């Protein structure tokens, strides 16, 4: 989750669109993009959205409810396909429900999910993307303005976003490859805004809270994550990608800690995992993908290096091949 902001400047969309052009972003346009970025955290909304990959082979339907009040930011995300999957967060506390189990989990630094896909620091995106407004449209019955983020190189994907013309809330988001083909998309199919959003789930009664507490499995039973600077270096990151965090964490229910480096350019993220090969026989080197996510693994000496990114295949390969040990 992102920090909450005390004030949100709402720029009148009509003014913004009348002054729009294909030139680099002007002051008013930056304000509008910032409104889009903050809207997912400042707006009360509840709706159903659909995720679909470009081939149409994988579809997920989810319901999200978000409340911002004096007590902070609260969100409930429910998967509507298959076994019960639900994530409930209240400020820095996050719970995951899987079937009848409830597990308290740690919030991932820098993680963004639909409709909170845009970062607060919009100005940094201009270094790597040409940002333009393209058309007006309707999504889930709401008037929307469309903004396109076209990468300045071939090492990242293009993004197209539909924002509610009044609140700035993201209503639809599409990721496009270099041929403008849709790789994946999110879109609201039903949406409620403002005072009509259900708030009864934000503070459960004492009996419910007590019952949930008895069933909770906390992350304290697992090896703790350690924030540290390792001796591993990535030499061929695309321009604009900055390190967000670097930690050692347990993976695959093992006690062995894996080095995990996270990089982002504001829209796309790249994770690098480095672990001992050990006696593993289930290693699958090479490239795989799901939607906009590309995964590339290679063995280097006694280490398995895996790169996962919301970037084209060439990028994860380039990054993985450049990972090296720089220690003594």
Protein backbone atom coordinates (compact mmCIF):
# COMPACT_ATOMS: atom_id res chain seq x y z
CA UNK A 1 0.00 0.00 0.00
CA UNK A 2 1.03 3.60 -0.48
CA UNK A 3 1.16 6.34 2.18
CA UNK A 4 -2.07 8.31 2.58
CA UNK A 5 -2.09 11.93 1.55
CA UNK A 6 -3.88 14.63 3.56
CA UNK A 7 -5.20 16.46 0.52
CA UNK A 8 -6.08 15.49 -3.03
CA UNK A 9 -6.15 18.16 -5.72
CA UNK A 10 -8.99 17.44 -8.13
CA UNK A 11 -8.30 18.97 -11.52
CA UNK A 12 -11.37 19.62 -13.66
CA UNK A 13 -11.09 17.05 -16.48
CA UNK A 14 -12.74 19.37 -19.00
CA UNK A 15 -10.02 21.99 -18.56
CA UNK A 16 -7.32 19.33 -18.83
CA UNK A 17 -8.71 17.83 -21.99
CA UNK A 18 -9.28 21.14 -23.72
CA UNK A 19 -5.61 22.03 -23.21
CA UNK A 20 -4.26 18.58 -24.08
CA UNK A 21 -1.75 17.98 -26.84
CA UNK A 22 0.86 15.43 -27.82
CA UNK A 23 3.62 17.59 -26.31
CA UNK A 24 5.46 16.56 -23.13
CA UNK A 25 3.27 16.77 -20.03
CA UNK A 26 2.35 20.25 -18.89
CA UNK A 27 1.67 21.21 -15.27
CA UNK A 28 -2.11 20.64 -15.39
CA UNK A 29 -1.65 17.24 -17.03
CA UNK A 30 0.78 16.13 -14.33
CA UNK A 31 -1.80 17.19 -11.73
CA UNK A 32 -4.41 15.05 -13.44
CA UNK A 33 -2.12 12.01 -13.51
CA UNK A 34 -1.40 12.52 -9.82
CA UNK A 35 -5.16 12.64 -9.22
CA UNK A 36 -5.40 9.26 -10.96
CA UNK A 37 -2.60 7.88 -8.79
CA UNK A 38 -4.13 9.03 -5.51
CA UNK A 39 -7.77 8.26 -6.38
CA UNK A 40 -7.45 4.53 -5.68
CA UNK A 41 -6.41 5.38 -2.09
CA UNK A 42 -8.68 8.38 -1.44
CA UNK A 43 -11.95 7.22 -3.05
CA UNK A 44 -14.61 5.01 -1.49
CA UNK A 45 -15.57 2.42 -4.09
CA UNK A 46 -16.89 -1.11 -4.50
CA UNK A 47 -17.06 -3.07 -7.71
CA UNK A 48 -16.47 -6.20 -9.74
CA UNK A 49 -13.56 -6.32 -12.15
CA UNK A 50 -12.28 -8.90 -14.63
CA UNK A 51 -8.67 -9.84 -15.34
CA UNK A 52 -7.96 -11.47 -18.71
CA UNK A 53 -4.74 -12.37 -20.47
CA UNK A 54 -4.28 -11.48 -24.11
CA UNK A 55 -5.11 -14.95 -25.42
CA UNK A 56 -8.30 -15.17 -23.36
CA UNK A 57 -7.13 -18.42 -21.81
CA UNK A 58 -6.98 -17.14 -18.24
CA UNK A 59 -9.85 -15.13 -16.75
CA UNK A 60 -10.33 -14.08 -13.14
CA UNK A 61 -13.31 -12.24 -11.67
CA UNK A 62 -12.84 -10.33 -8.43
CA UNK A 63 -14.78 -7.99 -6.19
CA UNK A 64 -13.02 -5.11 -4.45
CA UNK A 65 -14.25 -2.75 -1.75
CA UNK A 66 -12.19 0.20 -0.57
CA UNK A 67 -12.85 2.67 2.25
CA UNK A 68 -10.78 5.69 3.27
CA UNK A 69 -11.84 7.23 6.59
CA UNK A 70 -10.47 8.82 9.75
CA UNK A 71 -9.11 5.42 10.80
CA UNK A 72 -7.04 5.02 7.65
CA UNK A 73 -7.31 2.94 4.47
CA UNK A 74 -9.24 -0.36 4.36
CA UNK A 75 -9.59 -2.77 1.45
CA UNK A 76 -11.27 -6.09 0.80
CA UNK A 77 -10.42 -8.10 -2.33
CA UNK A 78 -12.41 -11.27 -3.04
CA UNK A 79 -11.82 -13.79 -5.79
CA UNK A 80 -15.15 -14.89 -7.28
CA UNK A 81 -13.79 -17.99 -9.09
CA UNK A 82 -13.08 -21.36 -7.47
CA UNK A 83 -12.05 -21.79 -3.84
CA UNK A 84 -12.56 -18.86 -1.51
CA UNK A 85 -9.70 -16.37 -1.81
CA UNK A 86 -9.90 -13.08 0.01
CA UNK A 87 -7.43 -10.42 1.13
CA UNK A 88 -8.49 -7.90 3.78
CA UNK A 89 -6.18 -5.03 4.70
CA UNK A 90 -6.43 -2.22 7.20
CA UNK A 91 -3.52 0.19 6.99
CA UNK A 92 -0.44 -1.95 7.68
CA UNK A 93 -2.28 -5.13 8.66
CA UNK A 94 -3.10 -7.66 5.92
CA UNK A 95 -4.99 -10.95 6.19
CA UNK A 96 -5.29 -13.68 3.58
CA UNK A 97 -8.27 -16.05 3.61
CA UNK A 98 -7.89 -19.38 1.76
CA UNK A 99 -10.97 -21.52 2.23
CA UNK A 100 -11.52 -21.64 6.00
CA UNK A 101 -7.96 -20.60 6.87
CA UNK A 102 -6.93 -17.10 7.82
CA UNK A 103 -3.27 -16.12 7.63
CA UNK A 104 -1.76 -12.79 8.57
CA UNK A 105 0.75 -11.78 5.91
CA UNK A 106 3.25 -9.00 5.45
CA UNK A 107 2.61 -6.16 3.10
CA UNK A 108 4.93 -6.22 0.09
CA UNK A 109 6.86 -2.98 -0.28
CA UNK A 110 6.02 -1.16 -3.49
CA UNK A 111 3.31 -3.64 -4.48
CA UNK A 112 0.50 -2.18 -6.61
CA UNK A 113 -2.64 -3.93 -7.77
CA UNK A 114 -5.64 -2.83 -9.82
CA UNK A 115 -6.96 -0.15 -9.60
CA UNK A 116 -3.96 1.24 -7.65
CA UNK A 117 -1.46 0.78 -10.48
CA UNK A 118 0.01 4.26 -10.76
CA UNK A 119 2.80 5.51 -8.47
CA UNK A 120 2.58 8.82 -6.62
CA UNK A 121 5.74 10.13 -8.28
CA UNK A 122 4.30 10.60 -11.76
CA UNK A 123 7.11 12.89 -12.90
CA UNK A 124 9.62 10.03 -12.89
CA UNK A 125 7.57 8.13 -15.48
CA UNK A 126 8.34 10.79 -18.09
CA UNK A 127 11.95 9.63 -18.10
CA UNK A 128 10.97 6.29 -19.62
CA UNK A 129 7.51 6.75 -21.19
CA UNK A 130 5.88 9.20 -23.58
CA UNK A 131 2.57 9.98 -21.86
CA UNK A 132 -0.35 11.19 -23.99
CA UNK A 133 -4.12 11.43 -23.76
CA UNK A 134 -5.89 9.65 -26.60
CA UNK A 135 -9.68 9.50 -26.41
CA UNK A 136 -12.79 9.53 -24.23
CA UNK A 137 -14.79 6.40 -23.52
CA UNK A 138 -17.24 4.72 -21.14
CA UNK A 139 -16.37 1.89 -18.73
CA UNK A 140 -18.91 0.21 -16.41
CA UNK A 141 -21.31 3.06 -17.18
CA UNK A 142 -18.87 5.84 -16.20
CA UNK A 143 -17.33 8.48 -18.45
CA UNK A 144 -13.59 7.96 -18.74
CA UNK A 145 -10.51 9.66 -20.17
CA UNK A 146 -7.81 7.47 -21.71
CA UNK A 147 -4.08 7.95 -21.10
CA UNK A 148 -1.35 6.00 -22.94
CA UNK A 149 2.16 5.31 -21.63
CA UNK A 150 4.41 4.50 -24.60
CA UNK A 151 7.91 3.25 -23.65
CA UNK A 152 10.93 5.05 -25.05
CA UNK A 153 12.73 1.73 -25.64
CA UNK A 154 11.85 -1.88 -26.49
CA UNK A 155 12.63 -3.19 -23.01
CA UNK A 156 9.23 -2.49 -21.46
CA UNK A 157 5.55 -2.69 -22.38
CA UNK A 158 3.11 0.06 -23.30
CA UNK A 159 0.21 0.75 -20.93
CA UNK A 160 -3.21 2.22 -21.65
CA UNK A 161 -5.43 3.41 -18.79
CA UNK A 162 -9.05 4.54 -18.57
CA UNK A 163 -9.71 6.92 -15.63
CA UNK A 164 -13.06 8.11 -14.26
CA UNK A 165 -13.40 11.72 -15.45
CA UNK A 166 -14.57 13.01 -12.05
CA UNK A 167 -12.65 11.12 -9.35
CA UNK A 168 -9.70 9.92 -11.44
CA UNK A 169 -10.24 6.32 -10.29
CA UNK A 170 -8.76 3.80 -12.71
CA UNK A 171 -11.59 1.91 -14.43
CA UNK A 172 -9.65 -0.13 -16.97
CA UNK A 173 -5.99 -0.91 -17.66
CA UNK A 174 -4.42 -2.66 -20.65
CA UNK A 175 -0.83 -3.81 -21.25
CA UNK A 176 0.31 -3.81 -24.90
CA UNK A 177 3.29 -5.38 -26.65
CA UNK A 178 5.43 -3.76 -29.34
CA UNK A 179 2.79 -4.62 -31.97
CA UNK A 180 0.01 -3.00 -29.88
CA UNK A 181 -1.47 -6.41 -29.10
CA UNK A 182 -3.22 -6.76 -25.75
CA UNK A 183 -1.17 -8.91 -23.37
CA UNK A 184 -3.45 -8.52 -20.37
CA UNK A 185 -6.20 -6.26 -19.11
CA UNK A 186 -8.22 -5.33 -16.04
CA UNK A 187 -11.63 -3.69 -16.28
CA UNK A 188 -14.50 -2.90 -13.94
CA UNK A 189 -17.79 -4.37 -15.10
CA UNK A 190 -19.79 -2.93 -12.17
CA UNK A 191 -18.84 -0.09 -9.84
CA UNK A 192 -20.34 1.89 -6.94
CA UNK A 193 -18.74 5.11 -5.73
CA UNK A 194 -19.10 7.23 -2.60
CA UNK A 195 -21.63 7.04 0.22
CA UNK A 196 -23.44 3.93 -1.06
CA UNK A 197 -20.40 1.68 -0.53
CA UNK A 198 -20.90 -0.92 2.23
CA UNK A 199 -18.79 -0.10 5.32
CA UNK A 200 -20.04 -2.73 7.76
CA UNK A 201 -17.04 -5.03 7.19
CA UNK A 202 -14.42 -2.44 8.19
CA UNK A 203 -14.86 -2.89 11.95
CA UNK A 204 -16.28 -6.35 12.79
CA UNK A 205 -18.07 -6.75 16.10
CA UNK A 206 -16.12 -8.04 19.09
CA UNK A 207 -17.51 -11.58 18.86
CA UNK A 208 -16.43 -11.91 15.22
CA UNK A 209 -13.01 -10.41 15.91
CA UNK A 210 -12.47 -12.81 18.82
CA UNK A 211 -13.42 -15.84 16.70
CA UNK A 212 -11.06 -14.81 13.92
CA UNK A 213 -8.21 -14.28 16.36
CA UNK A 214 -8.43 -17.89 17.55
CA UNK A 215 -7.94 -19.21 14.01
CA UNK A 216 -5.13 -16.91 12.89
CA UNK A 217 -1.78 -18.30 11.74
CA UNK A 218 0.74 -15.48 11.99
CA UNK A 219 3.84 -15.06 9.90
CA UNK A 220 5.90 -15.23 13.12
CA UNK A 221 6.11 -19.01 12.78
CA UNK A 222 8.17 -18.63 9.60
CA UNK A 223 11.79 -17.52 9.31
CA UNK A 224 11.82 -13.72 9.42
CA UNK A 225 12.85 -11.64 6.46
CA UNK A 226 16.15 -9.83 6.79
CA UNK A 227 16.73 -6.51 5.11
CA UNK A 228 20.32 -6.39 3.96
CA UNK A 229 22.65 -5.38 1.16
CA UNK A 230 24.08 -8.44 -0.54
CA UNK A 231 27.17 -8.82 -2.69
CA UNK A 232 25.10 -9.53 -5.80
CA UNK A 233 25.01 -7.03 -8.63
CA UNK A 234 22.77 -6.56 -11.69
CA UNK A 235 24.71 -4.90 -14.52
CA UNK A 236 22.14 -4.66 -17.33
CA UNK A 237 18.97 -3.17 -15.91
CA UNK A 238 16.97 -1.06 -18.39
CA UNK A 239 17.29 2.68 -17.84
CA UNK A 240 15.01 4.10 -15.19
CA UNK A 241 14.76 0.95 -13.09
CA UNK A 242 15.73 1.68 -9.50
CA UNK A 243 16.19 -0.71 -6.61
CA UNK A 244 13.13 -0.65 -4.33
CA UNK A 245 14.23 -3.18 -1.76
CA UNK A 246 16.64 -6.04 -1.14
CA UNK A 247 15.93 -8.74 1.41
CA UNK A 248 16.70 -12.32 2.31
CA UNK A 249 13.54 -14.37 2.62
CA UNK A 250 12.46 -18.03 2.87
CA UNK A 251 11.04 -19.53 -0.32
CA UNK A 252 9.23 -22.77 -1.13
CA UNK A 253 8.68 -23.56 2.56
CA UNK A 254 12.42 -24.00 3.07
CA UNK A 255 14.53 -22.69 5.90
CA UNK A 256 17.21 -21.55 3.45
CA UNK A 257 17.05 -17.82 2.81
CA UNK A 258 16.86 -16.59 -0.77
CA UNK A 259 18.23 -13.20 -1.83
CA UNK A 260 15.44 -11.13 -3.37
CA UNK A 261 16.08 -7.82 -5.16
CA UNK A 262 13.18 -5.68 -6.40
CA UNK A 263 13.48 -2.98 -9.08
CA UNK A 264 10.85 -0.67 -10.60
CA UNK A 265 10.55 2.11 -13.16
CA UNK A 266 7.24 3.29 -11.69
CA UNK A 267 4.95 1.16 -13.87
CA UNK A 268 6.82 -2.11 -14.31
CA UNK A 269 8.56 -4.23 -11.69
CA UNK A 270 11.44 -6.70 -11.91
CA UNK A 271 12.36 -9.19 -9.18
CA UNK A 272 15.65 -11.08 -9.03
CA UNK A 273 15.88 -14.24 -6.88
CA UNK A 274 19.21 -15.89 -6.08
CA UNK A 275 19.35 -19.23 -4.23
CA UNK A 276 21.57 -22.27 -3.75
CA UNK A 277 20.97 -25.09 -6.22
CA UNK A 278 21.79 -27.65 -3.56
CA UNK A 279 20.44 -31.12 -4.35
CA UNK A 280 17.38 -29.88 -6.23
CA UNK A 281 16.42 -31.92 -9.28
CA UNK A 282 13.30 -29.93 -10.22
CA UNK A 283 15.08 -26.96 -11.79
CA UNK A 284 13.58 -25.77 -15.06
CA UNK A 285 15.91 -23.33 -16.76
CA UNK A 286 14.65 -21.12 -19.54
CA UNK A 287 11.74 -18.78 -20.24
CA UNK A 288 8.05 -18.98 -19.35
CA UNK A 289 5.24 -16.42 -19.20
CA UNK A 290 1.74 -15.64 -17.99
CA UNK A 291 0.09 -12.51 -19.31
CA UNK A 292 2.56 -9.66 -18.97
CA UNK A 293 4.71 -11.59 -16.46
CA UNK A 294 7.88 -13.14 -17.87
CA UNK A 295 10.03 -15.61 -15.91
CA UNK A 296 13.56 -16.61 -16.84
CA UNK A 297 15.84 -18.95 -14.85
CA UNK A 298 19.45 -19.97 -15.30
CA UNK A 299 22.03 -21.85 -13.25
CA UNK A 300 25.33 -20.11 -12.59
CA UNK A 301 27.79 -22.27 -10.68
CA UNK A 302 26.01 -23.45 -7.56
CA UNK A 303 23.34 -20.72 -7.76
CA UNK A 304 19.91 -20.60 -9.40
CA UNK A 305 19.10 -17.12 -10.69
CA UNK A 306 15.45 -16.38 -11.48
CA UNK A 307 14.15 -13.09 -12.87
CA UNK A 308 10.43 -12.29 -12.82
CA UNK A 309 9.20 -9.12 -14.49
CA UNK A 310 6.29 -7.24 -16.04
CA UNK A 311 8.48 -6.66 -19.08
CA UNK A 312 9.17 -8.28 -22.48
CA UNK A 313 11.06 -11.61 -22.63
CA UNK A 314 14.27 -9.97 -23.91
CA UNK A 315 14.37 -7.84 -20.75
CA UNK A 316 14.21 -10.64 -18.18
CA UNK A 317 16.84 -12.57 -20.18
CA UNK A 318 19.10 -9.51 -20.36
CA UNK A 319 18.75 -8.90 -16.62
CA UNK A 320 19.30 -12.55 -15.64
CA UNK A 321 22.40 -12.92 -17.76
CA UNK A 322 23.92 -9.82 -16.12
CA UNK A 323 23.53 -10.94 -12.49
CA UNK A 324 26.90 -11.57 -10.91
CA UNK A 325 28.53 -11.97 -7.52
CA UNK A 326 30.56 -8.88 -6.70
CA UNK A 327 31.75 -9.86 -3.24
CA UNK A 328 35.13 -11.06 -2.10
